[in-house]
Protein backbone atom coordinates (compact mmCIF):
# COMPACT_ATOMS: atom_id res chain seq x y z
CA GLN A 1 61.79 60.35 217.50
CA GLU A 2 65.35 61.14 218.51
CA GLN A 3 66.54 64.53 217.37
CA LEU A 4 69.63 66.68 217.76
CA VAL A 5 69.36 70.37 216.87
CA GLU A 6 72.39 72.63 216.67
CA SER A 7 72.37 76.40 217.07
CA GLY A 8 74.80 79.25 217.64
CA GLY A 9 76.66 79.31 214.35
CA GLY A 10 77.34 82.49 212.46
CA LEU A 11 79.93 84.82 210.98
CA VAL A 12 82.79 85.97 213.18
CA GLN A 13 86.14 87.64 212.62
CA ALA A 14 89.38 85.78 213.19
CA GLY A 15 90.24 85.81 216.88
CA GLY A 16 86.60 85.93 217.89
CA SER A 17 84.44 83.43 219.76
CA LEU A 18 81.24 81.47 219.26
CA ARG A 19 79.32 79.07 221.45
CA LEU A 20 77.48 76.25 219.74
CA SER A 21 74.60 74.47 221.42
CA CYS A 22 73.05 71.10 220.70
CA ALA A 23 69.60 70.36 222.09
CA ALA A 24 68.59 66.71 222.22
CA SER A 25 65.06 65.37 222.30
CA GLY A 26 63.20 62.12 221.88
CA ARG A 27 65.41 60.22 224.29
CA THR A 28 67.73 60.89 227.21
CA PHE A 29 71.29 61.15 225.92
CA SER A 30 72.93 61.34 229.35
CA SER A 31 74.37 57.83 228.90
CA TYR A 32 75.70 58.60 225.40
CA GLY A 33 79.02 59.99 224.38
CA MET A 34 78.55 63.25 222.51
CA GLY A 35 80.71 64.73 219.81
CA TRP A 36 81.15 67.73 217.58
CA PHE A 37 82.24 67.20 214.00
CA ARG A 38 82.90 69.70 211.26
CA GLN A 39 82.92 69.61 207.49
CA ALA A 40 84.51 72.27 205.32
CA PRO A 41 83.62 72.63 201.62
CA GLY A 42 85.26 69.90 199.57
CA LYS A 43 86.57 68.09 202.64
CA GLU A 44 85.52 65.05 204.60
CA ARG A 45 83.69 65.36 207.87
CA GLU A 46 86.20 65.40 210.71
CA PHE A 47 85.94 64.87 214.43
CA ALA A 48 86.63 68.01 216.48
CA ALA A 49 85.72 67.32 220.10
CA GLY A 50 84.06 64.65 222.22
CA ILE A 51 82.79 64.13 225.74
CA THR A 52 81.97 60.82 227.42
CA TRP A 53 78.88 60.28 229.52
CA LEU A 54 81.12 60.67 232.58
CA GLY A 55 82.44 64.01 231.32
CA THR A 56 85.86 63.04 230.00
CA THR A 57 86.75 65.35 227.11
CA TYR A 58 89.02 64.80 224.12
CA TYR A 59 89.95 66.94 221.10
CA ILE A 60 91.83 66.96 217.86
CA ASP A 61 95.17 68.72 218.12
CA SER A 62 94.17 71.70 215.99
CA VAL A 63 91.48 72.83 218.44
CA LYS A 64 93.12 71.95 221.76
CA GLY A 65 93.37 74.98 224.00
CA ARG A 66 90.84 76.91 221.90
CA PHE A 67 87.67 74.78 221.98
CA THR A 68 85.88 73.44 225.04
CA ILE A 69 83.14 70.82 224.92
CA SER A 70 80.72 70.50 227.82
CA ARG A 71 77.38 68.91 228.57
CA ASP A 72 74.37 69.51 230.79
CA ASN A 73 72.58 66.21 231.25
CA ALA A 74 69.70 67.87 233.11
CA LYS A 75 68.99 69.89 229.97
CA ASN A 76 69.86 67.06 227.58
CA ALA A 77 72.29 69.44 225.88
CA VAL A 78 75.91 69.67 224.80
CA TYR A 79 77.93 72.78 224.00
CA LEU A 80 81.07 73.78 222.14
CA GLN A 81 82.78 76.99 223.22
CA MET A 82 85.11 78.11 220.44
CA ASN A 83 87.69 80.81 221.14
CA SER A 84 90.53 82.31 219.10
CA LEU A 85 88.76 81.25 215.93
CA LYS A 86 90.72 80.97 212.71
CA PRO A 87 89.61 81.01 209.06
CA ASP A 88 90.52 77.29 208.93
CA ASP A 89 87.74 76.66 211.46
CA THR A 90 85.16 77.63 208.83
CA ALA A 91 82.83 74.65 208.35
CA VAL A 92 79.42 73.24 209.04
CA TYR A 93 79.48 71.93 212.60
CA TYR A 94 77.50 68.84 213.53
CA CYS A 95 76.47 67.44 216.89
CA ALA A 96 76.33 63.66 217.24
CA ALA A 97 75.64 60.98 219.86
CA ALA A 98 77.36 57.62 220.26
CA THR A 99 77.04 54.60 222.51
CA ARG A 100 80.68 53.75 221.84
CA ARG A 101 83.15 55.16 224.35
CA LEU A 102 85.71 57.76 223.18
CA ALA A 103 84.21 57.66 219.71
CA ARG A 104 86.03 59.60 216.98
CA ALA A 105 84.95 58.17 213.63
CA PRO A 106 81.67 59.30 212.06
CA SER A 107 80.66 55.63 211.80
CA ASP A 108 80.89 55.35 215.60
CA TYR A 109 77.99 57.76 216.03
CA ASP A 110 74.35 56.77 216.00
CA TYR A 111 72.49 60.09 215.89
CA TRP A 112 73.26 63.33 214.05
CA GLY A 113 71.99 66.87 213.90
CA GLN A 114 71.53 68.85 210.70
CA GLY A 115 74.48 71.15 211.30
CA THR A 116 75.13 74.83 211.85
CA GLN A 117 77.38 77.01 209.70
CA VAL A 118 80.42 78.69 211.23
CA THR A 119 82.28 81.19 209.06
CA VAL A 120 85.45 82.87 210.25
CA SER A 121 86.63 85.84 208.22
CA SER A 122 90.26 86.92 208.05
């Protein structure tokens, strides 16, 4: 059974950093595009960062220059390095996998993790 498991969330002060990890199992995701989404209380789930199977990265404007998505196909894993965190980054962060290239919409993604909470205090 395919599974994505996120880890690395937590509580951090504004300006701090966190590194999220997503471990995949049940299938090889090296040929999938991978993405990180986030959902704040009372808001819709939004795309934050994506990486194609070839390693091309893309981000929403609000995280450009602060977040970096990467992948290690040998470990079947994807990461999100988050620097200069802001209170507005507070959300549950989800890892997802898509066969569609440069996927941004939640409906583009086929597999999802359960999420990890990131809380940024001011």
